[in-house]
Amino acid sequence: MDIWSTGTIIPLAAFVMVIVIVAIATFGKTREKELAAHRELRLREMEHERKMKEMEIEKAKLELDRMRLGKSA
């Protein structure tokens, strides 16, 4: 009796096929979660940059107002 007989290969191949399918599906889900996390991080980063620019503009306006008040006094 040979270990590579048809009676052994077919169940073994079916088992390996199931493992490969599950691995591919798991890898796909993991990759999708990773991409979603990167998108969320990038959105947060862009929002932070926008807020920082708004704060810089507000700071410049306040400094300009302070300079105007200093000159008029």
C-alpha atoms as a PDB file:
ATOM      1  CA  MET A   1       0.000   0.000   0.000  1.00  0.00           C
ATOM      2  CA  ASP A   2       1.521   3.259  -1.165  1.00  0.00           C
ATOM      3  CA  ILE A   3       1.006   6.476   0.829  1.00  0.00           C
ATOM      4  CA  TRP A   4       0.380   8.382  -2.419  1.00  0.00           C
ATOM      5  CA  SER A   5      -2.516   6.215  -3.452  1.00  0.00           C
ATOM      6  CA  THR A   6      -5.741   7.872  -4.597  1.00  0.00           C
ATOM      7  CA  GLY A   7      -7.460   7.027  -1.327  1.00  0.00           C
ATOM      8  CA  THR A   8      -5.009   9.238   0.572  1.00  0.00           C
ATOM      9  CA  ILE A   9      -4.374  12.027  -1.923  1.00  0.00           C
ATOM     10  CA  ILE A  10      -7.996  13.088  -2.507  1.00  0.00           C
ATOM     11  CA  PRO A  11      -8.933  13.670   1.167  1.00  0.00           C
ATOM     12  CA  LEU A  12      -5.581  15.312   1.815  1.00  0.00           C
ATOM     13  CA  ALA A  13      -5.986  17.577  -1.209  1.00  0.00           C
ATOM     14  CA  ALA A  14      -9.512  18.511  -0.112  1.00  0.00           C
ATOM     15  CA  PHE A  15      -8.258  19.365   3.384  1.00  0.00           C
ATOM     16  CA  VAL A  16      -5.412  21.486   1.989  1.00  0.00           C
ATOM     17  CA  MET A  17      -7.843  23.234  -0.377  1.00  0.00           C
ATOM     18  CA  VAL A  18     -10.106  24.206   2.532  1.00  0.00           C
ATOM     19  CA  ILE A  19      -7.122  25.550   4.455  1.00  0.00           C
ATOM     20  CA  VAL A  20      -5.985  27.595   1.451  1.00  0.00           C
ATOM     21  CA  ILE A  21      -9.489  29.038   0.897  1.00  0.00           C
ATOM     22  CA  VAL A  22      -9.797  30.024   4.562  1.00  0.00           C
ATOM     23  CA  ALA A  23      -6.310  31.569   4.504  1.00  0.00           C
ATOM     24  CA  ILE A  24      -7.122  33.621   1.390  1.00  0.00           C
ATOM     25  CA  ALA A  25     -10.413  34.839   2.878  1.00  0.00           C
ATOM     26  CA  THR A  26      -8.726  35.750   6.158  1.00  0.00           C
ATOM     27  CA  PHE A  27      -5.923  37.573   4.356  1.00  0.00           C
ATOM     28  CA  GLY A  28      -8.483  39.554   2.350  1.00  0.00           C
ATOM     29  CA  LYS A  29     -10.404  40.617   5.445  1.00  0.00           C
ATOM     30  CA  THR A  30      -7.196  41.551   7.252  1.00  0.00           C
ATOM     31  CA  ARG A  31      -6.016  43.610   4.283  1.00  0.00           C
ATOM     32  CA  GLU A  32      -9.360  45.418   4.080  1.00  0.00           C
ATOM     33  CA  LYS A  33      -9.203  46.290   7.797  1.00  0.00           C
ATOM     34  CA  GLU A  34      -5.658  47.554   7.354  1.00  0.00           C
ATOM     35  CA  LEU A  35      -6.683  49.765   4.430  1.00  0.00           C
ATOM     36  CA  ALA A  36      -9.644  51.121   6.412  1.00  0.00           C
ATOM     37  CA  ALA A  37      -7.336  51.971   9.304  1.00  0.00           C
ATOM     38  CA  HIS A  38      -4.965  53.796   6.943  1.00  0.00           C
ATOM     39  CA  ARG A  39      -7.879  55.747   5.431  1.00  0.00           C
ATOM     40  CA  GLU A  40      -9.113  56.735   8.894  1.00  0.00           C
ATOM     41  CA  LEU A  41      -5.618  57.788   9.951  1.00  0.00           C
ATOM     42  CA  ARG A  42      -5.169  59.875   6.804  1.00  0.00           C
ATOM     43  CA  LEU A  43      -8.548  61.569   7.332  1.00  0.00           C
ATOM     44  CA  ARG A  44      -7.608  62.421  10.914  1.00  0.00           C
ATOM     45  CA  GLU A  45      -4.273  63.767   9.746  1.00  0.00           C
ATOM     46  CA  MET A  46      -5.933  65.977   7.113  1.00  0.00           C
ATOM     47  CA  GLU A  47      -8.464  67.249   9.671  1.00  0.00           C
ATOM     48  CA  HIS A  48      -5.634  68.071  12.069  1.00  0.00           C
ATOM     49  CA  GLU A  49      -3.756  69.965   9.350  1.00  0.00           C
ATOM     50  CA  ARG A  50      -6.908  71.939   8.519  1.00  0.00           C
ATOM     51  CA  LYS A  51      -7.442  72.877  12.162  1.00  0.00           C
ATOM     52  CA  MET A  52      -3.807  73.920  12.529  1.00  0.00           C
ATOM     53  CA  LYS A  53      -4.076  76.194   9.479  1.00  0.00           C
ATOM     54  CA  GLU A  54      -7.284  77.720  10.867  1.00  0.00           C
ATOM     55  CA  MET A  55      -5.505  78.373  14.167  1.00  0.00           C
ATOM     56  CA  GLU A  56      -2.569  79.997  12.356  1.00  0.00           C
ATOM     57  CA  ILE A  57      -4.957  82.265  10.448  1.00  0.00           C
ATOM     58  CA  GLU A  58      -6.774  83.185  13.655  1.00  0.00           C
ATOM     59  CA  LYS A  59      -3.444  83.900  15.363  1.00  0.00           C
ATOM     60  CA  ALA A  60      -2.375  86.151  12.474  1.00  0.00           C
ATOM     61  CA  LYS A  61      -5.694  88.033  12.690  1.00  0.00           C
ATOM     62  CA  LEU A  62      -5.258  88.562  16.432  1.00  0.00           C
ATOM     63  CA  GLU A  63      -1.698  89.800  15.967  1.00  0.00           C
ATOM     64  CA  LEU A  64      -2.861  92.190  13.248  1.00  0.00           C
ATOM     65  CA  ASP A  65      -5.627  93.511  15.497  1.00  0.00           C
ATOM     66  CA  ARG A  66      -3.128  93.904  18.349  1.00  0.00           C
ATOM     67  CA  MET A  67      -0.767  95.834  16.051  1.00  0.00           C
ATOM     68  CA  ARG A  68      -3.611  98.104  14.884  1.00  0.00           C
ATOM     69  CA  LEU A  69      -4.637  98.835  18.473  1.00  0.00           C
ATOM     70  CA  GLY A  70      -1.022  99.581  19.403  1.00  0.00           C
ATOM     71  CA  LYS A  71      -0.576 102.073  16.558  1.00  0.00           C
ATOM     72  CA  SER A  72      -3.853 103.895  17.229  1.00  0.00           C
ATOM     73  CA  ALA A  73      -3.137 104.373  20.933  1.00  0.00           C
END
